[in-house]
Protein backbone atom coordinates (compact mmCIF):
# COMPACT_ATOMS: atom_id res chain seq x y z
CA UNK A 1 -18.17 16.81 -0.14
CA UNK A 2 -18.25 13.59 2.55
CA UNK A 3 -18.28 10.57 2.38
CA UNK A 4 -19.01 8.25 5.26
CA UNK A 5 -20.41 4.77 5.07
CA UNK A 6 -21.33 2.97 8.14
CA UNK A 7 -23.54 -0.30 9.00
CA UNK A 8 -26.02 -1.47 6.81
CA UNK A 9 -26.05 2.60 5.13
CA UNK A 10 -25.87 5.02 7.94
CA UNK A 11 -24.89 7.60 5.64
CA UNK A 12 -23.42 10.93 7.33
CA UNK A 13 -22.36 14.17 4.54
CA UNK A 14 -24.48 13.01 2.45
CA UNK A 15 -26.91 11.33 0.56
CA UNK A 16 -26.87 7.51 -0.29
CA UNK A 17 -25.68 6.85 -3.53
CA UNK A 18 -27.40 3.08 -3.84
CA UNK A 19 -25.03 0.64 -2.62
CA UNK A 20 -26.03 -2.27 -0.91
CA UNK A 21 -25.70 -3.62 3.38
CA UNK A 22 -22.94 -5.18 1.98
CA UNK A 23 -21.05 -3.40 0.04
CA UNK A 24 -21.12 -0.81 2.50
CA UNK A 25 -20.67 -3.44 5.34
CA UNK A 26 -18.19 -1.41 7.41
CA UNK A 27 -16.76 2.20 8.18
CA UNK A 28 -16.01 3.81 5.70
CA UNK A 29 -15.44 7.47 4.35
CA UNK A 30 -14.61 8.77 0.91
CA UNK A 31 -13.26 12.19 -0.55
CA UNK A 32 -13.77 13.32 -4.01
CA UNK A 33 -11.21 16.08 -5.18
CA UNK A 34 -11.51 18.83 -4.88
CA UNK A 35 -10.35 20.88 -7.84
CA UNK A 36 -8.22 20.27 -11.33
CA UNK A 37 -5.21 20.93 -10.05
CA UNK A 38 -3.10 18.07 -10.32
CA UNK A 39 0.56 19.99 -8.74
CA UNK A 40 0.88 22.06 -6.27
CA UNK A 41 2.13 25.64 -6.69
CA UNK A 42 5.47 25.12 -5.34
CA UNK A 43 9.04 24.23 -6.61
CA UNK A 44 9.78 22.05 -3.40
CA UNK A 45 11.26 18.48 -3.78
CA UNK A 46 8.24 15.93 -3.55
CA UNK A 47 9.15 14.45 -0.33
CA UNK A 48 8.33 11.19 1.29
CA UNK A 49 6.18 9.89 3.92
CA UNK A 50 6.97 6.45 5.26
CA UNK A 51 7.51 6.55 9.17
CA UNK A 52 10.27 5.02 10.09
CA UNK A 53 10.87 3.25 13.64
CA UNK A 54 13.96 3.84 15.31
CA UNK A 55 13.57 2.47 18.99
CA UNK A 56 13.75 -0.98 19.20
CA UNK A 57 10.87 -1.14 22.03
CA UNK A 58 8.33 0.85 19.43
CA UNK A 59 8.78 -3.34 18.20
CA UNK A 60 6.87 -6.16 19.13
CA UNK A 61 7.51 -8.63 21.17
CA UNK A 62 7.25 -11.07 17.98
CA UNK A 63 9.24 -8.54 15.60
CA UNK A 64 12.04 -8.32 18.91
CA UNK A 65 12.07 -11.88 18.75
CA UNK A 66 13.10 -12.62 15.14
CA UNK A 67 14.93 -10.14 15.38
CA UNK A 68 16.93 -11.88 18.05
CA UNK A 69 16.09 -8.49 20.12
CA UNK A 70 15.06 -9.34 24.16
CA UNK A 71 14.07 -8.00 27.16
CA UNK A 72 15.36 -4.88 27.68
CA UNK A 73 18.23 -4.44 24.55
CA UNK A 74 18.71 -1.91 22.24
CA UNK A 75 20.32 -3.47 19.47
CA UNK A 76 20.22 -7.19 18.63
CA UNK A 77 22.16 -10.59 19.72
CA UNK A 78 25.27 -11.93 18.51
CA UNK A 79 27.43 -11.22 15.71
CA UNK A 80 26.45 -8.15 15.22
CA UNK A 81 23.26 -7.13 13.60
CA UNK A 82 20.70 -10.07 13.24
CA UNK A 83 18.65 -8.98 10.22
CA UNK A 84 15.79 -9.59 7.86
CA UNK A 85 16.66 -12.30 5.00
CA UNK A 86 15.84 -10.11 1.77
CA UNK A 87 16.91 -8.84 -1.48
CA UNK A 88 16.09 -5.19 -2.66
CA UNK A 89 17.65 -4.51 -5.86
CA UNK A 90 16.87 -2.15 -9.15
CA UNK A 91 14.10 -3.75 -10.85
CA UNK A 92 14.36 -2.65 -13.85
CA UNK A 93 18.12 -4.24 -16.44
CA UNK A 94 20.91 -1.83 -16.50
CA UNK A 95 19.78 1.08 -18.75
CA UNK A 96 16.55 0.15 -19.36
CA UNK A 97 13.02 0.35 -18.17
CA UNK A 98 12.40 -3.55 -18.93
CA UNK A 99 10.46 -5.12 -17.70
CA UNK A 100 9.06 -2.18 -15.54
CA UNK A 101 7.36 -1.45 -19.43
CA UNK A 102 5.59 -4.56 -19.23
CA UNK A 103 3.07 -6.20 -17.55
CA UNK A 104 3.57 -7.11 -14.43
CA UNK A 105 5.43 -4.35 -13.04
CA UNK A 106 4.02 -1.78 -15.05
CA UNK A 107 0.62 -1.79 -13.37
CA UNK A 108 2.49 -0.29 -10.37
CA UNK A 109 3.19 3.34 -10.34
CA UNK A 110 4.58 6.10 -8.37
CA UNK A 111 2.14 8.15 -6.63
CA UNK A 112 1.85 12.17 -6.10
CA UNK A 113 -0.22 13.72 -3.20
CA UNK A 114 -0.54 17.64 -2.10
CA UNK A 115 -0.57 18.56 0.82
CA UNK A 116 -1.26 22.65 1.32
CA UNK A 117 1.95 23.49 -0.44
CA UNK A 118 4.08 21.23 -0.22
CA UNK A 119 4.70 17.90 -2.43
CA UNK A 120 4.39 13.98 -1.02
CA UNK A 121 5.48 10.55 -3.03
CA UNK A 122 4.22 6.85 -2.17
CA UNK A 123 3.73 4.11 -4.59
CA UNK A 124 0.59 2.19 -5.77
CA UNK A 125 -0.59 0.03 -7.90
CA UNK A 126 -3.72 -0.75 -10.37
CA UNK A 127 -6.53 -3.60 -8.33
CA UNK A 128 -9.14 -2.85 -10.97
CA UNK A 129 -10.20 -0.99 -14.62
CA UNK A 130 -10.27 2.18 -12.59
CA UNK A 131 -9.00 1.85 -8.71
CA UNK A 132 -5.37 1.56 -7.18
CA UNK A 133 -4.72 0.87 -4.01
CA UNK A 134 -2.11 2.71 -1.58
CA UNK A 135 -1.16 3.35 2.28
CA UNK A 136 -3.63 5.49 3.96
CA UNK A 137 -0.93 7.86 5.11
CA UNK A 138 -0.27 8.21 1.50
CA UNK A 139 -3.81 10.20 1.15
CA UNK A 140 -4.76 11.50 4.65
CA UNK A 141 -2.92 12.47 7.84
CA UNK A 142 -4.29 10.18 10.75
CA UNK A 143 -6.82 11.29 12.83
CA UNK A 144 -7.28 14.71 11.11
CA UNK A 145 -10.46 14.69 10.10
CA UNK A 146 -11.53 16.40 7.46
CA UNK A 147 -8.56 18.47 7.51
CA UNK A 148 -6.25 15.40 6.94
CA UNK A 149 -7.30 15.45 3.17
CA UNK A 150 -4.75 16.45 0.40
CA UNK A 151 -6.03 18.38 -2.71
CA UNK A 152 -4.59 16.54 -5.21
CA UNK A 153 -3.67 13.71 -5.84
CA UNK A 154 -2.24 12.37 -9.72
CA UNK A 155 -0.01 8.52 -10.92
CA UNK A 156 2.42 7.26 -12.94
CA UNK A 157 2.78 4.17 -14.00
CA UNK A 158 5.75 2.78 -14.74
CA UNK A 159 7.80 5.59 -14.08
CA UNK A 160 11.73 5.10 -14.84
CA UNK A 161 14.45 7.87 -14.55
CA UNK A 162 13.82 11.18 -16.05
CA UNK A 163 12.06 10.03 -18.93
CA UNK A 164 8.62 11.07 -19.73
CA UNK A 165 6.14 8.59 -18.38
CA UNK A 166 4.91 5.71 -20.58
CA UNK A 167 1.70 5.73 -20.19
CA UNK A 168 0.94 8.81 -18.93
CA UNK A 169 -0.07 11.37 -15.65
CA UNK A 170 -3.83 10.34 -14.09
CA UNK A 171 -5.78 12.20 -11.79
CA UNK A 172 -7.98 11.04 -9.25
CA UNK A 173 -11.75 11.78 -8.96
CA UNK A 174 -11.46 10.40 -5.25
CA UNK A 175 -9.46 7.79 -2.59
CA UNK A 176 -10.93 5.76 0.22
CA UNK A 177 -9.90 5.52 3.94
CA UNK A 178 -10.85 3.55 7.03
CA UNK A 179 -13.52 5.73 9.17
CA UNK A 180 -11.19 4.43 12.11
CA UNK A 181 -8.18 5.93 10.02
CA UNK A 182 -9.75 9.33 9.79
CA UNK A 183 -11.09 10.04 12.75
CA UNK A 184 -8.62 8.00 14.62
CA UNK A 185 -9.41 5.50 16.17
CA UNK A 186 -7.65 2.46 14.53
CA UNK A 187 -6.30 -0.79 16.69
CA UNK A 188 -1.77 0.76 16.48
CA UNK A 189 0.98 -0.48 18.75
CA UNK A 190 2.04 3.13 17.31
CA UNK A 191 0.10 5.32 17.18
CA UNK A 192 -1.24 6.33 13.48
CA UNK A 193 1.74 4.26 12.16
CA UNK A 194 1.41 0.46 12.69
CA UNK A 195 -1.87 0.32 12.65
CA UNK A 196 -4.49 -2.40 11.68
CA UNK A 197 -5.79 -0.20 8.52
CA UNK A 198 -3.05 2.09 6.95
CA UNK A 199 -5.23 1.02 3.47
CA UNK A 200 -7.08 3.00 1.16
CA UNK A 201 -7.69 2.82 -2.58
CA UNK A 202 -8.20 6.25 -5.42
CA UNK A 203 -9.99 6.06 -7.82
CA UNK A 204 -9.09 7.43 -11.07
CA UNK A 205 -10.47 9.91 -14.21
CA UNK A 206 -9.95 8.33 -17.55
CA UNK A 207 -7.63 9.49 -19.72
CA UNK A 208 -7.74 9.77 -23.26
CA UNK A 209 -11.13 8.04 -23.21
CA UNK A 210 -9.28 4.67 -21.24
CA UNK A 211 -9.29 3.65 -17.10
CA UNK A 212 -6.00 3.33 -16.42
CA UNK A 213 -5.76 -0.95 -15.93
CA UNK A 214 -7.34 -1.35 -19.61
CA UNK A 215 -3.70 0.50 -20.48
CA UNK A 216 -1.40 -0.77 -17.83
CA UNK A 217 -3.65 -4.65 -16.68
CA UNK A 218 -4.75 -4.77 -13.42
CA UNK A 219 -3.53 -6.94 -10.37
CA UNK A 220 -5.77 -8.50 -8.61
CA UNK A 221 -6.43 -8.66 -4.60
CA UNK A 222 -6.51 -11.73 -1.89
CA UNK A 223 -7.72 -11.21 2.03
CA UNK A 224 -7.06 -12.78 5.27
CA UNK A 225 -5.15 -16.27 4.95
CA UNK A 226 -4.57 -16.79 1.88
CA UNK A 227 -1.28 -18.29 0.82
CA UNK A 228 -0.19 -17.97 4.20
CA UNK A 229 1.64 -21.46 5.78
CA UNK A 230 3.18 -22.22 8.88
CA UNK A 231 6.43 -21.68 7.54
CA UNK A 232 8.86 -21.91 11.73
CA UNK A 233 6.64 -21.05 13.87
CA UNK A 234 5.05 -18.07 12.27
CA UNK A 235 2.90 -18.16 10.18
CA UNK A 236 4.28 -16.94 6.64
CA UNK A 237 4.52 -16.58 2.82
CA UNK A 238 7.18 -14.84 0.62
CA UNK A 239 6.50 -11.90 -0.47
CA UNK A 240 7.27 -9.56 -3.15
CA UNK A 241 7.74 -6.25 -2.85
CA UNK A 242 7.56 -2.93 -5.95
CA UNK A 243 8.24 0.91 -4.30
CA UNK A 244 10.03 4.14 -5.42
CA UNK A 245 12.36 4.73 -2.69
CA UNK A 246 12.75 8.24 -2.60
CA UNK A 247 16.52 8.45 -0.54
CA UNK A 248 18.47 5.72 -1.64
CA UNK A 249 17.54 4.39 -5.15
CA UNK A 250 17.63 6.74 -8.33
CA UNK A 251 16.01 9.13 -6.68
CA UNK A 252 12.49 8.04 -6.73
CA UNK A 253 12.47 7.66 -10.32
CA UNK A 254 12.58 4.68 -10.58
CA UNK A 255 11.29 0.59 -9.44
CA UNK A 256 12.69 -1.16 -6.48
CA UNK A 257 12.07 -4.41 -5.96
CA UNK A 258 12.25 -6.71 -2.70
CA UNK A 259 11.82 -10.37 -2.02
CA UNK A 260 11.61 -12.16 1.20
CA UNK A 261 9.64 -13.86 3.64
CA UNK A 262 7.46 -12.29 5.29
CA UNK A 263 5.42 -13.74 8.63
CA UNK A 264 2.10 -12.47 10.50
CA UNK A 265 2.13 -9.88 13.64
CA UNK A 266 -0.43 -7.98 15.65
CA UNK A 267 -2.01 -5.78 14.87
CA UNK A 268 -2.72 -7.36 11.57
CA UNK A 269 0.43 -6.43 10.07
CA UNK A 270 2.70 -8.46 7.93
CA UNK A 271 6.43 -8.33 8.36
CA UNK A 272 9.17 -8.82 5.70
CA UNK A 273 12.27 -7.66 5.82
CA UNK A 274 12.99 -4.88 3.23
CA UNK A 275 16.36 -2.10 2.53
CA UNK A 276 13.54 0.31 0.47
CA UNK A 277 12.78 3.52 2.12
CA UNK A 278 10.28 7.20 2.50
CA UNK A 279 8.25 6.51 -0.83
CA UNK A 280 7.72 3.24 -1.12
CA UNK A 281 4.69 3.89 0.99
CA UNK A 282 2.01 2.29 -0.43
CA UNK A 283 3.99 0.28 -2.53
CA UNK A 284 1.82 -3.83 -3.07
CA UNK A 285 2.83 -6.19 -1.11
CA UNK A 286 2.49 -9.30 -3.74
CA UNK A 287 2.44 -13.33 -3.60
CA UNK A 288 2.80 -14.97 -6.84
CA UNK A 289 4.65 -11.81 -8.61
CA UNK A 290 5.05 -12.77 -12.25
CA UNK A 291 3.67 -15.37 -15.58
CA UNK A 292 2.80 -18.53 -14.46
CA UNK A 293 5.46 -21.38 -14.97
CA UNK A 294 4.34 -25.85 -15.62
CA UNK A 295 4.71 -27.84 -13.55
CA UNK A 296 5.67 -31.49 -13.39
CA UNK A 297 3.68 -32.19 -10.78
CA UNK A 298 -0.22 -30.44 -8.86
CA UNK A 299 0.01 -26.71 -8.77
CA UNK A 300 1.43 -25.35 -5.25
CA UNK A 301 -1.60 -24.28 -3.81
CA UNK A 302 -2.80 -20.68 -3.66
CA UNK A 303 -1.52 -20.06 -6.79
CA UNK A 304 -2.88 -17.52 -8.57
CA UNK A 305 -1.00 -14.71 -10.53
CA UNK A 306 0.32 -11.10 -9.37
CA UNK A 307 -2.46 -10.42 -6.36
CA UNK A 308 -1.62 -7.50 -3.15
CA UNK A 309 -2.50 -8.85 -0.04
CA UNK A 310 -0.95 -5.60 1.71
CA UNK A 311 0.83 -2.23 0.99
CA UNK A 312 3.79 -0.76 2.80
CA UNK A 313 3.08 0.64 5.73
CA UNK A 314 6.09 1.64 7.87
CA UNK A 315 9.73 0.67 8.27
CA UNK A 316 12.68 -0.04 11.21
CA UNK A 317 16.01 0.52 10.95
CA UNK A 318 18.58 -0.37 13.31
CA UNK A 319 22.28 -0.21 12.37
CA UNK A 320 21.80 -3.16 9.25
CA UNK A 321 18.48 -4.22 10.57
CA UNK A 322 15.81 -3.07 8.07
CA UNK A 323 12.51 -4.18 7.89
CA UNK A 324 8.95 -2.63 7.08
CA UNK A 325 5.85 -3.20 7.89
CA UNK A 326 1.99 -3.43 6.72
CA UNK A 327 -1.48 -3.44 7.29
CA UNK A 328 -3.14 -6.86 6.53
CA UNK A 329 -5.49 -7.61 3.44
CA UNK A 330 -8.40 -8.88 5.63
CA UNK A 331 -10.85 -9.16 8.97
CA UNK A 332 -9.86 -7.44 11.80
CA UNK A 333 -11.47 -5.65 15.12
CA UNK A 334 -12.66 -3.55 13.43
CA UNK A 335 -14.00 -5.32 9.85
CA UNK A 336 -15.56 -7.96 11.15
CA UNK A 337 -18.05 -8.98 8.18
CA UNK A 338 -16.28 -8.55 5.61
CA UNK A 339 -12.29 -7.35 4.69
CA UNK A 340 -10.93 -3.93 5.14
CA UNK A 341 -10.08 -4.08 1.41
CA UNK A 342 -13.05 -4.88 -0.11
CA UNK A 343 -14.51 -2.29 1.76
CA UNK A 344 -13.22 -0.44 0.96
CA UNK A 345 -13.13 -1.39 -2.81
CA UNK A 346 -17.02 -2.68 -2.74
CA UNK A 347 -17.67 2.01 -1.79
CA UNK A 348 -15.81 3.37 -4.21
CA UNK A 349 -16.47 0.91 -6.96
CA UNK A 350 -20.92 1.61 -5.77
CA UNK A 351 -20.12 5.25 -5.97
CA UNK A 352 -18.56 5.16 -9.31
CA UNK A 353 -20.48 2.85 -11.49
CA UNK A 354 -18.59 0.93 -13.84
CA UNK A 355 -14.69 1.83 -12.91
CA UNK A 356 -14.79 -0.99 -11.25
């Protein structure tokens, strides 16, 4: 069963579910879980999905300029490899899962997807009572249409080490992506990798009669220019990235945190420095992460706590140069009436009353 929502409620593949034209105003595709399975019939180790670029010519001119890579050059100029400053470290304290088991950290977790007989891993975060946000490439193979979906998706929040998931395992009920990602027509500088709309929302079933957001809490989300300011010639902000990278930190069993300046780039992306790797895909990029503090003067502009503005989409690695990019939440060439994230949320919530 395939739900496809287009402008003014032109539906392809199923009957209308009562969404208003305002809530389903842009191209969105939803896929309900086909069955109860939550794990694949395989003993293979899980695989990450983060696309990694290694050719600097695949980067935009702006990113090359920031990294100090001139026209025709394949490495940054002067003094070894240039870089985008960042800090990437374990989110937990030494030998403990604290504070990962506390809010706001615990609203992020590990996402498992079954494609065929293989198990893949990403990261996702809770943004509504029964709703996750992640990357579209975690729940669909770009441009493969009805053949691009996984057979099952599950979520384990605040996972840490080999211990039992502290808040259980949650089965996905549906997952929703932009139709341009579904059919392979998104605006991308590298096809299917650096794209405007690599964003998905996942609806989770209740567990023990409760929604995921009632158990671990929820982040907010913001879009467009929220929290961005002109800084050193860029539209920039501070980003906190959370993820479960597989290859270089705790074998994908520990939450990792990166803090970095993020700046806007085309096509409607935001770029940070980060050492996170595959498995971090879909992890939240947050503004104002943590609890609020008191101010001696006026509060800063754009001061809402724990708001997701993007999710990890792709990475670039060359020597010591490590950057990652994400599709920004906002209006763009495809989503002209309201933001990509709001269109996805409205469609998923309209099809699942009470989950948001």
